[in-house]
PDB file of N, CA and C in Angstrom:
ATOM      1  N   MET A   1     159.014 220.230 135.207  1.00  0.00           N
ATOM      2  CA  MET A   1     159.429 221.612 135.085  1.00  0.00           C
ATOM      3  C   MET A   1     160.819 221.641 134.423  1.00  0.00           C
ATOM      4  N   PRO A   2     160.994 222.469 133.406  1.00  0.00           N
ATOM      5  CA  PRO A   2     162.290 222.540 132.723  1.00  0.00           C
ATOM      6  C   PRO A   2     163.411 223.030 133.635  1.00  0.00           C
ATOM      7  N   THR A   3     164.591 222.562 133.377  1.00  0.00           N
ATOM      8  CA  THR A   3     165.785 222.980 134.102  1.00  0.00           C
ATOM      9  C   THR A   3     166.464 224.114 133.337  1.00  0.00           C
ATOM     10  N   PHE A   4     166.993 225.091 134.060  1.00  0.00           N
ATOM     11  CA  PHE A   4     167.693 226.228 133.483  1.00  0.00           C
ATOM     12  C   PHE A   4     168.742 225.769 132.479  1.00  0.00           C
ATOM     13  N   LEU A   5     168.725 226.382 131.308  1.00  0.00           N
ATOM     14  CA  LEU A   5     169.645 226.146 130.196  1.00  0.00           C
ATOM     15  C   LEU A   5     169.512 224.757 129.579  1.00  0.00           C
ATOM     16  N   SER A   6     168.366 224.106 129.762  1.00  0.00           N
ATOM     17  CA  SER A   6     168.112 222.821 129.114  1.00  0.00           C
ATOM     18  C   SER A   6     167.351 223.058 127.808  1.00  0.00           C
ATOM     19  N   GLU A   7     167.249 222.027 126.999  1.00  0.00           N
ATOM     20  CA  GLU A   7     166.486 222.136 125.752  1.00  0.00           C
ATOM     21  C   GLU A   7     165.035 222.515 126.040  1.00  0.00           C
ATOM     22  N   ASP A   8     164.445 221.916 127.070  1.00  0.00           N
ATOM     23  CA  ASP A   8     163.059 222.235 127.442  1.00  0.00           C
ATOM     24  C   ASP A   8     162.916 223.695 127.873  1.00  0.00           C
ATOM     25  N   HIS A   9     163.937 224.229 128.519  1.00  0.00           N
ATOM     26  CA  HIS A   9     163.929 225.635 128.918  1.00  0.00           C
ATOM     27  C   HIS A   9     163.790 226.523 127.684  1.00  0.00           C
ATOM     28  N   PHE A  10     164.534 226.202 126.631  1.00  0.00           N
ATOM     29  CA  PHE A  10     164.494 227.041 125.439  1.00  0.00           C
ATOM     30  C   PHE A  10     163.226 226.846 124.612  1.00  0.00           C
ATOM     31  N   ILE A  11     162.624 225.674 124.689  1.00  0.00           N
ATOM     32  CA  ILE A  11     161.315 225.485 124.052  1.00  0.00           C
ATOM     33  C   ILE A  11     160.298 226.384 124.736  1.00  0.00           C
ATOM     34  N   LEU A  12     160.303 226.386 126.061  1.00  0.00           N
ATOM     35  CA  LEU A  12     159.404 227.243 126.835  1.00  0.00           C
ATOM     36  C   LEU A  12     159.705 228.716 126.575  1.00  0.00           C
ATOM     37  N   ALA A  13     160.985 229.075 126.508  1.00  0.00           N
ATOM     38  CA  ALA A  13     161.379 230.464 126.248  1.00  0.00           C
ATOM     39  C   ALA A  13     160.895 230.917 124.876  1.00  0.00           C
ATOM     40  N   HIS A  14     161.070 230.072 123.867  1.00  0.00           N
ATOM     41  CA  HIS A  14     160.635 230.399 122.503  1.00  0.00           C
ATOM     42  C   HIS A  14     159.133 230.697 122.477  1.00  0.00           C
ATOM     43  N   GLU A  15     158.360 229.833 123.122  1.00  0.00           N
ATOM     44  CA  GLU A  15     156.905 230.030 123.178  1.00  0.00           C
ATOM     45  C   GLU A  15     156.555 231.306 123.933  1.00  0.00           C
ATOM     46  N   GLY A  16     157.221 231.537 125.058  1.00  0.00           N
ATOM     47  CA  GLY A  16     156.945 232.717 125.867  1.00  0.00           C
ATOM     48  C   GLY A  16     157.255 234.012 125.137  1.00  0.00           C
ATOM     49  N   LEU A  17     158.384 234.047 124.463  1.00  0.00           N
ATOM     50  CA  LEU A  17     158.779 235.260 123.740  1.00  0.00           C
ATOM     51  C   LEU A  17     157.794 235.595 122.630  1.00  0.00           C
ATOM     52  N   ASN A  18     157.410 234.583 121.868  1.00  0.00           N
ATOM     53  CA  ASN A  18     156.563 234.817 120.705  1.00  0.00           C
ATOM     54  C   ASN A  18     155.091 234.992 121.041  1.00  0.00           C
ATOM     55  N   SER A  19     154.762 234.943 122.329  1.00  0.00           N
ATOM     56  CA  SER A  19     153.386 235.215 122.749  1.00  0.00           C
ATOM     57  C   SER A  19     153.295 236.391 123.718  1.00  0.00           C
ATOM     58  N   ASP A  20     154.411 237.063 123.979  1.00  0.00           N
ATOM     59  CA  ASP A  20     154.433 238.179 124.929  1.00  0.00           C
ATOM     60  C   ASP A  20     154.284 239.509 124.182  1.00  0.00           C
ATOM     61  N   PRO A  21     153.187 240.237 124.422  1.00  0.00           N
ATOM     62  CA  PRO A  21     152.954 241.491 123.690  1.00  0.00           C
ATOM     63  C   PRO A  21     154.064 242.527 123.864  1.00  0.00           C
ATOM     64  N   GLY A  22     154.640 242.643 125.050  1.00  0.00           N
ATOM     65  CA  GLY A  22     155.707 243.607 125.283  1.00  0.00           C
ATOM     66  C   GLY A  22     156.952 243.278 124.482  1.00  0.00           C
ATOM     67  N   PHE A  23     157.319 242.001 124.464  1.00  0.00           N
ATOM     68  CA  PHE A  23     158.481 241.585 123.688  1.00  0.00           C
ATOM     69  C   PHE A  23     158.220 241.760 122.198  1.00  0.00           C
ATOM     70  N   LEU A  24     157.062 241.323 121.747  1.00  0.00           N
ATOM     71  CA  LEU A  24     156.738 241.442 120.322  1.00  0.00           C
ATOM     72  C   LEU A  24     156.727 242.894 119.872  1.00  0.00           C
ATOM     73  N   SER A  25     156.329 243.778 120.761  1.00  0.00           N
ATOM     74  CA  SER A  25     156.301 245.205 120.433  1.00  0.00           C
ATOM     75  C   SER A  25     157.710 245.748 120.182  1.00  0.00           C
ATOM     76  N   VAL A  26     158.684 245.360 121.018  1.00  0.00           N
ATOM     77  CA  VAL A  26     160.039 245.902 120.859  1.00  0.00           C
ATOM     78  C   VAL A  26     160.805 245.265 119.708  1.00  0.00           C
ATOM     79  N   ILE A  27     160.349 244.108 119.216  1.00  0.00           N
ATOM     80  CA  ILE A  27     161.094 243.472 118.122  1.00  0.00           C
ATOM     81  C   ILE A  27     160.529 243.773 116.740  1.00  0.00           C
ATOM     82  N   SER A  28     159.413 244.513 116.682  1.00  0.00           N
ATOM     83  CA  SER A  28     158.894 244.829 115.353  1.00  0.00           C
ATOM     84  C   SER A  28     159.923 245.671 114.614  1.00  0.00           C
ATOM     85  N   ASN A  29     160.189 245.332 113.390  1.00  0.00           N
ATOM     86  CA  ASN A  29     161.160 246.027 112.535  1.00  0.00           C
ATOM     87  C   ASN A  29     162.600 245.923 113.037  1.00  0.00           C
ATOM     88  N   VAL A  30     162.915 244.902 113.823  1.00  0.00           N
ATOM     89  CA  VAL A  30     164.276 244.698 114.320  1.00  0.00           C
ATOM     90  C   VAL A  30     164.829 243.405 113.722  1.00  0.00           C
ATOM     91  N   GLU A  31     166.078 243.476 113.294  1.00  0.00           N
ATOM     92  CA  GLU A  31     166.818 242.277 112.919  1.00  0.00           C
ATOM     93  C   GLU A  31     168.064 242.255 113.787  1.00  0.00           C
ATOM     94  N   LEU A  32     168.186 241.224 114.600  1.00  0.00           N
ATOM     95  CA  LEU A  32     169.269 241.146 115.573  1.00  0.00           C
ATOM     96  C   LEU A  32     169.551 239.685 115.885  1.00  0.00           C
ATOM     97  N   SER A  33     170.833 239.341 115.973  1.00  0.00           N
ATOM     98  CA  SER A  33     171.207 237.996 116.398  1.00  0.00           C
ATOM     99  C   SER A  33     172.270 238.112 117.485  1.00  0.00           C
ATOM    100  N   VAL A  34     172.038 237.383 118.571  1.00  0.00           N
ATOM    101  CA  VAL A  34     172.931 237.442 119.729  1.00  0.00           C
ATOM    102  C   VAL A  34     173.298 236.021 120.140  1.00  0.00           C
ATOM    103  N   GLN A  35     174.589 235.782 120.274  1.00  0.00           N
ATOM    104  CA  GLN A  35     175.100 234.507 120.760  1.00  0.00           C
ATOM    105  C   GLN A  35     175.442 234.659 122.236  1.00  0.00           C
ATOM    106  N   PHE A  36     174.941 233.761 123.067  1.00  0.00           N
ATOM    107  CA  PHE A  36     175.233 233.760 124.502  1.00  0.00           C
ATOM    108  C   PHE A  36     176.109 232.547 124.808  1.00  0.00           C
ATOM    109  N   ASP A  37     177.209 232.778 125.489  1.00  0.00           N
ATOM    110  CA  ASP A  37     178.104 231.699 125.899  1.00  0.00           C
ATOM    111  C   ASP A  37     178.248 231.746 127.412  1.00  0.00           C
ATOM    112  N   VAL A  38     177.859 230.648 128.055  1.00  0.00           N
ATOM    113  CA  VAL A  38     177.864 230.569 129.516  1.00  0.00           C
ATOM    114  C   VAL A  38     178.900 229.532 129.940  1.00  0.00           C
ATOM    115  N   SER A  39     179.840 229.951 130.766  1.00  0.00           N
ATOM    116  CA  SER A  39     180.873 229.032 131.253  1.00  0.00           C
ATOM    117  C   SER A  39     180.522 228.539 132.648  1.00  0.00           C
ATOM    118  N   GLY A  40     180.962 227.327 132.942  1.00  0.00           N
ATOM    119  CA  GLY A  40     180.819 226.789 134.290  1.00  0.00           C
ATOM    120  C   GLY A  40     179.438 226.289 134.663  1.00  0.00           C
ATOM    121  N   ALA A  41     178.604 225.965 133.671  1.00  0.00           N
ATOM    122  CA  ALA A  41     177.293 225.378 133.981  1.00  0.00           C
ATOM    123  C   ALA A  41     177.505 223.966 134.518  1.00  0.00           C
ATOM    124  N   ASN A  42     176.495 223.427 135.160  1.00  0.00           N
ATOM    125  CA  ASN A  42     176.620 222.109 135.795  1.00  0.00           C
ATOM    126  C   ASN A  42     177.085 221.026 134.827  1.00  0.00           C
ATOM    127  N   GLY A  43     176.580 221.046 133.598  1.00  0.00           N
ATOM    128  CA  GLY A  43     176.966 220.043 132.614  1.00  0.00           C
ATOM    129  C   GLY A  43     178.084 220.503 131.704  1.00  0.00           C
ATOM    130  N   GLY A  44     178.750 221.581 132.048  1.00  0.00           N
ATOM    131  CA  GLY A  44     179.803 222.139 131.207  1.00  0.00           C
ATOM    132  C   GLY A  44     179.349 223.458 130.602  1.00  0.00           C
ATOM    133  N   ASP A  45     180.141 223.989 129.696  1.00  0.00           N
ATOM    134  CA  ASP A  45     179.810 225.263 129.060  1.00  0.00           C
ATOM    135  C   ASP A  45     178.583 225.098 128.160  1.00  0.00           C
ATOM    136  N   VAL A  46     177.775 226.160 128.073  1.00  0.00           N
ATOM    137  CA  VAL A  46     176.538 226.126 127.290  1.00  0.00           C
ATOM    138  C   VAL A  46     176.510 227.335 126.361  1.00  0.00           C
ATOM    139  N   SER A  47     176.098 227.102 125.125  1.00  0.00           N
ATOM    140  CA  SER A  47     175.895 228.185 124.172  1.00  0.00           C
ATOM    141  C   SER A  47     174.441 228.156 123.714  1.00  0.00           C
ATOM    142  N   TYR A  48     173.880 229.344 123.579  1.00  0.00           N
ATOM    143  CA  TYR A  48     172.535 229.474 123.035  1.00  0.00           C
ATOM    144  C   TYR A  48     172.448 230.812 122.328  1.00  0.00           C
ATOM    145  N   TYR A  49     171.370 231.001 121.579  1.00  0.00           N
ATOM    146  CA  TYR A  49     171.269 232.244 120.826  1.00  0.00           C
ATOM    147  C   TYR A  49     169.842 232.773 120.787  1.00  0.00           C
ATOM    148  N   LEU A  50     169.769 234.041 120.452  1.00  0.00           N
ATOM    149  CA  LEU A  50     168.512 234.731 120.190  1.00  0.00           C
ATOM    150  C   LEU A  50     168.630 235.329 118.797  1.00  0.00           C
ATOM    151  N   LYS A  51     167.675 235.007 117.946  1.00  0.00           N
ATOM    152  CA  LYS A  51     167.630 235.592 116.604  1.00  0.00           C
ATOM    153  C   LYS A  51     166.259 236.222 116.423  1.00  0.00           C
ATOM    154  N   VAL A  52     166.271 237.517 116.127  1.00  0.00           N
ATOM    155  CA  VAL A  52     165.040 238.281 115.931  1.00  0.00           C
ATOM    156  C   VAL A  52     164.996 238.737 114.486  1.00  0.00           C
ATOM    157  N   ALA A  53     163.890 238.434 113.805  1.00  0.00           N
ATOM    158  CA  ALA A  53     163.698 238.878 112.421  1.00  0.00           C
ATOM    159  C   ALA A  53     162.227 238.721 112.064  1.00  0.00           C
ATOM    160  N   ASP A  54     161.752 239.608 111.227  1.00  0.00           N
ATOM    161  CA  ASP A  54     160.385 239.530 110.704  1.00  0.00           C
ATOM    162  C   ASP A  54     159.320 239.465 111.799  1.00  0.00           C
ATOM    163  N   GLY A  55     159.563 240.148 112.917  1.00  0.00           N
ATOM    164  CA  GLY A  55     158.565 240.229 113.974  1.00  0.00           C
ATOM    165  C   GLY A  55     158.434 239.008 114.851  1.00  0.00           C
ATOM    166  N   SER A  56     159.385 238.075 114.756  1.00  0.00           N
ATOM    167  CA  SER A  56     159.346 236.914 115.648  1.00  0.00           C
ATOM    168  C   SER A  56     160.756 236.620 116.149  1.00  0.00           C
ATOM    169  N   ALA A  57     160.832 235.744 117.141  1.00  0.00           N
ATOM    170  CA  ALA A  57     162.111 235.428 117.765  1.00  0.00           C
ATOM    171  C   ALA A  57     162.333 233.929 117.783  1.00  0.00           C
ATOM    172  N   GLU A  58     163.588 233.565 117.670  1.00  0.00           N
ATOM    173  CA  GLU A  58     163.998 232.180 117.815  1.00  0.00           C
ATOM    174  C   GLU A  58     165.078 232.165 118.879  1.00  0.00           C
ATOM    175  N   THR A  59     164.939 231.311 119.863  1.00  0.00           N
ATOM    176  CA  THR A  59     165.977 231.137 120.866  1.00  0.00           C
ATOM    177  C   THR A  59     166.110 229.654 121.124  1.00  0.00           C
ATOM    178  N   GLN A  60     167.343 229.183 121.080  1.00  0.00           N
ATOM    179  CA  GLN A  60     167.580 227.761 121.322  1.00  0.00           C
ATOM    180  C   GLN A  60     169.038 227.501 121.625  1.00  0.00           C
ATOM    181  N   LEU A  61     169.295 226.307 122.119  1.00  0.00           N
ATOM    182  CA  LEU A  61     170.659 225.889 122.393  1.00  0.00           C
ATOM    183  C   LEU A  61     171.449 225.801 121.099  1.00  0.00           C
ATOM    184  N   GLY A  62     172.734 226.060 121.191  1.00  0.00           N
ATOM    185  CA  GLY A  62     173.604 225.935 120.035  1.00  0.00           C
ATOM    186  C   GLY A  62     174.243 227.250 119.668  1.00  0.00           C
ATOM    187  N   SER A  63     174.926 227.227 118.551  1.00  0.00           N
ATOM    188  CA  SER A  63     175.624 228.405 118.059  1.00  0.00           C
ATOM    189  C   SER A  63     175.033 228.829 116.724  1.00  0.00           C
ATOM    190  N   LEU A  64     175.123 230.097 116.463  1.00  0.00           N
ATOM    191  CA  LEU A  64     174.599 230.684 115.232  1.00  0.00           C
ATOM    192  C   LEU A  64     175.752 231.392 114.537  1.00  0.00           C
ATOM    193  N   ASP A  65     175.934 231.141 113.264  1.00  0.00           N
ATOM    194  CA  ASP A  65     176.992 231.794 112.495  1.00  0.00           C
ATOM    195  C   ASP A  65     176.604 233.229 112.169  1.00  0.00           C
ATOM    196  N   GLY A  66     177.599 234.107 112.106  1.00  0.00           N
ATOM    197  CA  GLY A  66     177.387 235.472 111.652  1.00  0.00           C
ATOM    198  C   GLY A  66     176.541 236.330 112.573  1.00  0.00           C
ATOM    199  N   VAL A  67     176.666 236.127 113.881  1.00  0.00           N
ATOM    200  CA  VAL A  67     175.860 236.907 114.826  1.00  0.00           C
ATOM    201  C   VAL A  67     176.324 238.354 114.879  1.00  0.00           C
ATOM    202  N   ASP A  68     175.399 239.226 115.282  1.00  0.00           N
ATOM    203  CA  ASP A  68     175.730 240.636 115.453  1.00  0.00           C
ATOM    204  C   ASP A  68     176.541 240.865 116.717  1.00  0.00           C
ATOM    205  N   VAL A  69     176.214 240.124 117.775  1.00  0.00           N
ATOM    206  CA  VAL A  69     176.782 240.369 119.093  1.00  0.00           C
ATOM    207  C   VAL A  69     176.995 239.036 119.814  1.00  0.00           C
ATOM    208  N   THR A  70     178.052 238.965 120.615  1.00  0.00           N
ATOM    209  CA  THR A  70     178.244 237.827 121.510  1.00  0.00           C
ATOM    210  C   THR A  70     178.234 238.332 122.948  1.00  0.00           C
ATOM    211  N   VAL A  71     177.617 237.568 123.823  1.00  0.00           N
ATOM    212  CA  VAL A  71     177.552 237.897 125.245  1.00  0.00           C
ATOM    213  C   VAL A  71     178.089 236.692 126.012  1.00  0.00           C
ATOM    214  N   SER A  72     179.112 236.914 126.805  1.00  0.00           N
ATOM    215  CA  SER A  72     179.724 235.835 127.580  1.00  0.00           C
ATOM    216  C   SER A  72     179.581 236.128 129.067  1.00  0.00           C
ATOM    217  N   SER A  73     179.286 235.079 129.817  1.00  0.00           N
ATOM    218  CA  SER A  73     179.187 235.211 131.278  1.00  0.00           C
ATOM    219  C   SER A  73     179.448 233.868 131.915  1.00  0.00           C
ATOM    220  N   ASP A  74     179.571 233.886 133.236  1.00  0.00           N
ATOM    221  CA  ASP A  74     179.643 232.623 133.947  1.00  0.00           C
ATOM    222  C   ASP A  74     178.222 232.181 134.304  1.00  0.00           C
ATOM    223  N   TYR A  75     178.118 230.955 134.763  1.00  0.00           N
ATOM    224  CA  TYR A  75     176.812 230.364 135.073  1.00  0.00           C
ATOM    225  C   TYR A  75     176.068 231.169 136.145  1.00  0.00           C
ATOM    226  N   GLU A  76     176.773 231.560 137.176  1.00  0.00           N
ATOM    227  CA  GLU A  76     176.152 232.303 138.287  1.00  0.00           C
ATOM    228  C   GLU A  76     175.509 233.606 137.798  1.00  0.00           C
ATOM    229  N   THR A  77     176.210 234.339 136.949  1.00  0.00           N
ATOM    230  CA  THR A  77     175.694 235.599 136.410  1.00  0.00           C
ATOM    231  C   THR A  77     174.487 235.347 135.515  1.00  0.00           C
ATOM    232  N   SER A  78     174.600 234.351 134.657  1.00  0.00           N
ATOM    233  CA  SER A  78     173.495 234.022 133.761  1.00  0.00           C
ATOM    234  C   SER A  78     172.245 233.639 134.557  1.00  0.00           C
ATOM    235  N   GLN A  79     172.436 232.887 135.592  1.00  0.00           N
ATOM    236  CA  GLN A  79     171.331 232.468 136.453  1.00  0.00           C
ATOM    237  C   GLN A  79     170.708 233.683 137.158  1.00  0.00           C
ATOM    238  N   ALA A  80     171.517 234.596 137.662  1.00  0.00           N
ATOM    239  CA  ALA A  80     171.002 235.789 138.346  1.00  0.00           C
ATOM    240  C   ALA A  80     170.193 236.671 137.387  1.00  0.00           C
ATOM    241  N   ILE A  81     170.662 236.806 136.146  1.00  0.00           N
ATOM    242  CA  ILE A  81     169.905 237.578 135.150  1.00  0.00           C
ATOM    243  C   ILE A  81     168.598 236.870 134.847  1.00  0.00           C
ATOM    244  N   SER A  82     168.645 235.551 134.686  1.00  0.00           N
ATOM    245  CA  SER A  82     167.439 234.782 134.381  1.00  0.00           C
ATOM    246  C   SER A  82     166.392 234.890 135.482  1.00  0.00           C
ATOM    247  N   LYS A  83     166.835 234.929 136.722  1.00  0.00           N
ATOM    248  CA  LYS A  83     165.910 235.023 137.849  1.00  0.00           C
ATOM    249  C   LYS A  83     165.396 236.446 138.060  1.00  0.00           C
ATOM    250  N   GLY A  84     165.985 237.424 137.350  1.00  0.00           N
ATOM    251  CA  GLY A  84     165.597 238.818 137.536  1.00  0.00           C
ATOM    252  C   GLY A  84     166.290 239.469 138.717  1.00  0.00           C
ATOM    253  N   GLU A  85     167.321 238.823 139.254  1.00  0.00           N
ATOM    254  CA  GLU A  85     168.060 239.362 140.399  1.00  0.00           C
ATOM    255  C   GLU A  85     169.152 240.347 139.976  1.00  0.00           C
ATOM    256  N   LEU A  86     169.518 240.330 138.699  1.00  0.00           N
ATOM    257  CA  LEU A  86     170.571 241.190 138.168  1.00  0.00           C
ATOM    258  C   LEU A  86     170.137 241.648 136.787  1.00  0.00           C
ATOM    259  N   ASN A  87     170.167 242.965 136.548  1.00  0.00           N
ATOM    260  CA  ASN A  87     169.776 243.410 135.208  1.00  0.00           C
ATOM    261  C   ASN A  87     170.994 243.442 134.286  1.00  0.00           C
ATOM    262  N   VAL A  88     170.706 243.392 133.002  1.00  0.00           N
ATOM    263  CA  VAL A  88     171.753 243.267 131.987  1.00  0.00           C
ATOM    264  C   VAL A  88     172.720 244.445 132.039  1.00  0.00           C
ATOM    265  N   GLN A  89     172.208 245.667 132.178  1.00  0.00           N
ATOM    266  CA  GLN A  89     173.079 246.842 132.211  1.00  0.00           C
ATOM    267  C   GLN A  89     174.041 246.798 133.397  1.00  0.00           C
ATOM    268  N   MET A  90     173.541 246.428 134.560  1.00  0.00           N
ATOM    269  CA  MET A  90     174.396 246.352 135.746  1.00  0.00           C
ATOM    270  C   MET A  90     175.439 245.248 135.581  1.00  0.00           C
ATOM    271  N   ALA A  91     175.037 244.128 135.001  1.00  0.00           N
ATOM    272  CA  ALA A  91     175.982 243.042 134.761  1.00  0.00           C
ATOM    273  C   ALA A  91     177.102 243.505 133.826  1.00  0.00           C
ATOM    274  N   PHE A  92     176.746 244.268 132.806  1.00  0.00           N
ATOM    275  CA  PHE A  92     177.744 244.785 131.870  1.00  0.00           C
ATOM    276  C   PHE A  92     178.653 245.803 132.551  1.00  0.00           C
ATOM    277  N   MET A  93     178.055 246.724 133.271  1.00  0.00           N
ATOM    278  CA  MET A  93     178.832 247.801 133.913  1.00  0.00           C
ATOM    279  C   MET A  93     179.786 247.271 134.985  1.00  0.00           C
ATOM    280  N   THR A  94     179.447 246.169 135.603  1.00  0.00           N
ATOM    281  CA  THR A  94     180.300 245.598 136.645  1.00  0.00           C
ATOM    282  C   THR A  94     181.239 244.517 136.106  1.00  0.00           C
ATOM    283  N   GLY A  95     181.220 244.308 134.786  1.00  0.00           N
ATOM    284  CA  GLY A  95     182.124 243.347 134.173  1.00  0.00           C
ATOM    285  C   GLY A  95     181.715 241.897 134.321  1.00  0.00           C
ATOM    286  N   LYS A  96     180.478 241.645 134.734  1.00  0.00           N
ATOM    287  CA  LYS A  96     180.023 240.268 134.906  1.00  0.00           C
ATOM    288  C   LYS A  96     179.641 239.620 133.584  1.00  0.00           C
ATOM    289  N   ILE A  97     179.358 240.440 132.585  1.00  0.00           N
ATOM    290  CA  ILE A  97     179.183 239.924 131.233  1.00  0.00           C
ATOM    291  C   ILE A  97     180.134 240.673 130.309  1.00  0.00           C
ATOM    292  N   LYS A  98     180.593 239.988 129.310  1.00  0.00           N
ATOM    293  CA  LYS A  98     181.455 240.574 128.283  1.00  0.00           C
ATOM    294  C   LYS A  98     180.658 240.579 126.990  1.00  0.00           C
ATOM    295  N   VAL A  99     180.689 241.705 126.298  1.00  0.00           N
ATOM    296  CA  VAL A  99     179.943 241.850 125.061  1.00  0.00           C
ATOM    297  C   VAL A  99     180.924 242.155 123.936  1.00  0.00           C
ATOM    298  N   GLY A 100     180.775 241.447 122.833  1.00  0.00           N
ATOM    299  CA  GLY A 100     181.615 241.676 121.673  1.00  0.00           C
ATOM    300  C   GLY A 100     180.770 241.785 120.417  1.00  0.00           C
ATOM    301  N   GLY A 101     181.365 242.304 119.382  1.00  0.00           N
ATOM    302  CA  GLY A 101     180.659 242.429 118.113  1.00  0.00           C
ATOM    303  C   GLY A 101     180.219 243.853 117.858  1.00  0.00           C
ATOM    304  N   ASN A 102     179.080 243.999 117.242  1.00  0.00           N
ATOM    305  CA  ASN A 102     178.560 245.295 116.823  1.00  0.00           C
ATOM    306  C   ASN A 102     177.924 246.018 118.011  1.00  0.00           C
ATOM    307  N   MET A 103     178.759 246.765 118.728  1.00  0.00           N
ATOM    308  CA  MET A 103     178.277 247.454 119.939  1.00  0.00           C
ATOM    309  C   MET A 103     177.220 248.504 119.620  1.00  0.00           C
ATOM    310  N   ALA A 104     177.328 249.170 118.484  1.00  0.00           N
ATOM    311  CA  ALA A 104     176.327 250.175 118.120  1.00  0.00           C
ATOM    312  C   ALA A 104     174.961 249.523 117.955  1.00  0.00           C
ATOM    313  N   LYS A 105     174.935 248.346 117.347  1.00  0.00           N
ATOM    314  CA  LYS A 105     173.663 247.661 117.123  1.00  0.00           C
ATOM    315  C   LYS A 105     173.037 247.215 118.441  1.00  0.00           C
ATOM    316  N   ILE A 106     173.846 246.708 119.340  1.00  0.00           N
ATOM    317  CA  ILE A 106     173.284 246.252 120.618  1.00  0.00           C
ATOM    318  C   ILE A 106     172.823 247.434 121.458  1.00  0.00           C
ATOM    319  N   MET A 107     173.531 248.548 121.398  1.00  0.00           N
ATOM    320  CA  MET A 107     173.091 249.738 122.139  1.00  0.00           C
ATOM    321  C   MET A 107     171.774 250.260 121.569  1.00  0.00           C
ATOM    322  N   MET A 108     171.633 250.192 120.263  1.00  0.00           N
ATOM    323  CA  MET A 108     170.410 250.654 119.609  1.00  0.00           C
ATOM    324  C   MET A 108     169.216 249.769 119.984  1.00  0.00           C
ATOM    325  N   HIS A 109     169.495 248.508 120.301  1.00  0.00           N
ATOM    326  CA  HIS A 109     168.413 247.559 120.592  1.00  0.00           C
ATOM    327  C   HIS A 109     168.475 247.031 122.029  1.00  0.00           C
ATOM    328  N   GLN A 110     168.875 247.882 122.968  1.00  0.00           N
ATOM    329  CA  GLN A 110     168.911 247.494 124.385  1.00  0.00           C
ATOM    330  C   GLN A 110     167.558 246.998 124.869  1.00  0.00           C
ATOM    331  N   GLY A 111     166.506 247.622 124.369  1.00  0.00           N
ATOM    332  CA  GLY A 111     165.159 247.241 124.779  1.00  0.00           C
ATOM    333  C   GLY A 111     164.841 245.791 124.473  1.00  0.00           C
ATOM    334  N   VAL A 112     165.401 245.265 123.380  1.00  0.00           N
ATOM    335  CA  VAL A 112     165.167 243.870 123.022  1.00  0.00           C
ATOM    336  C   VAL A 112     165.766 242.958 124.095  1.00  0.00           C
ATOM    337  N   LEU A 113     167.017 243.238 124.498  1.00  0.00           N
ATOM    338  CA  LEU A 113     167.642 242.401 125.526  1.00  0.00           C
ATOM    339  C   LEU A 113     166.952 242.544 126.872  1.00  0.00           C
ATOM    340  N   ASN A 114     166.515 243.751 127.196  1.00  0.00           N
ATOM    341  CA  ASN A 114     165.795 243.952 128.459  1.00  0.00           C
ATOM    342  C   ASN A 114     164.488 243.152 128.470  1.00  0.00           C
ATOM    343  N   GLU A 115     163.757 243.214 127.366  1.00  0.00           N
ATOM    344  CA  GLU A 115     162.493 242.463 127.287  1.00  0.00           C
ATOM    345  C   GLU A 115     162.750 240.960 127.245  1.00  0.00           C
ATOM    346  N   TYR A 116     163.803 240.553 126.566  1.00  0.00           N
ATOM    347  CA  TYR A 116     164.189 239.137 126.525  1.00  0.00           C
ATOM    348  C   TYR A 116     164.431 238.632 127.951  1.00  0.00           C
ATOM    349  N   ALA A 117     165.214 239.388 128.709  1.00  0.00           N
ATOM    350  CA  ALA A 117     165.502 239.013 130.099  1.00  0.00           C
ATOM    351  C   ALA A 117     164.231 239.020 130.940  1.00  0.00           C
ATOM    352  N   ARG A 118     163.348 240.001 130.719  1.00  0.00           N
ATOM    353  CA  ARG A 118     162.101 240.078 131.486  1.00  0.00           C
ATOM    354  C   ARG A 118     161.238 238.845 131.246  1.00  0.00           C
ATOM    355  N   VAL A 119     161.067 238.470 129.977  1.00  0.00           N
ATOM    356  CA  VAL A 119     160.225 237.315 129.667  1.00  0.00           C
ATOM    357  C   VAL A 119     160.841 236.047 130.252  1.00  0.00           C
ATOM    358  N   LEU A 120     162.147 235.864 130.073  1.00  0.00           N
ATOM    359  CA  LEU A 120     162.779 234.658 130.584  1.00  0.00           C
ATOM    360  C   LEU A 120     162.741 234.583 132.105  1.00  0.00           C
ATOM    361  N   SER A 121     162.807 235.733 132.778  1.00  0.00           N
ATOM    362  CA  SER A 121     162.764 235.717 134.250  1.00  0.00           C
ATOM    363  C   SER A 121     161.388 235.291 134.767  1.00  0.00           C
ATOM    364  N   GLY A 122     160.370 235.368 133.937  1.00  0.00           N
ATOM    365  CA  GLY A 122     159.023 234.970 134.345  1.00  0.00           C
ATOM    366  C   GLY A 122     158.691 233.518 134.060  1.00  0.00           C
ATOM    367  N   LEU A 123     159.619 232.775 133.462  1.00  0.00           N
ATOM    368  CA  LEU A 123     159.372 231.380 133.147  1.00  0.00           C
ATOM    369  C   LEU A 123     159.456 230.521 134.407  1.00  0.00           C
ATOM    370  N   ASP A 124     158.650 229.487 134.436  1.00  0.00           N
ATOM    371  CA  ASP A 124     158.648 228.555 135.564  1.00  0.00           C
ATOM    372  C   ASP A 124     159.662 227.456 135.279  1.00  0.00           C
ATOM    373  N   ILE A 125     160.898 227.682 135.755  1.00  0.00           N
ATOM    374  CA  ILE A 125     161.975 226.729 135.526  1.00  0.00           C
ATOM    375  C   ILE A 125     162.684 226.413 136.835  1.00  0.00           C
ATOM    376  N   GLU A 126     163.424 225.321 136.819  1.00  0.00           N
ATOM    377  CA  GLU A 126     164.167 224.870 137.979  1.00  0.00           C
ATOM    378  C   GLU A 126     165.638 225.270 137.844  1.00  0.00           C
ATOM    379  N   TYR A 127     166.235 225.693 138.942  1.00  0.00           N
ATOM    380  CA  TYR A 127     167.643 226.064 138.923  1.00  0.00           C
ATOM    381  C   TYR A 127     168.495 225.076 139.685  1.00  0.00           C
TER     382      TYR A 127
END
């Protein structure tokens, strides 16, 4: 079973996103790139990204140049969102995540992040 924020986790996430009808529905005609930076993970800080274009999604470990939005959080917050225990809007409103970049674009595509979190919360991973 993949471990949270591992390479195997993102392979599973990539497959899950690109086969989920609800997620695929919200990303049609959307171009969006989001960089996630998580501090305080067990093996140190972790960066990963979500890139949506042409009706499909790519998510993997690493950094992406020229992203539309950056989302920063600590490990505990990232884990709670992944488990579905904390929703993205509440995390933002309570200051548990910091968002930078093109705020208008991320507000316009809130549904993409909500569906992204929903699909990832359903993955069978170890924490």
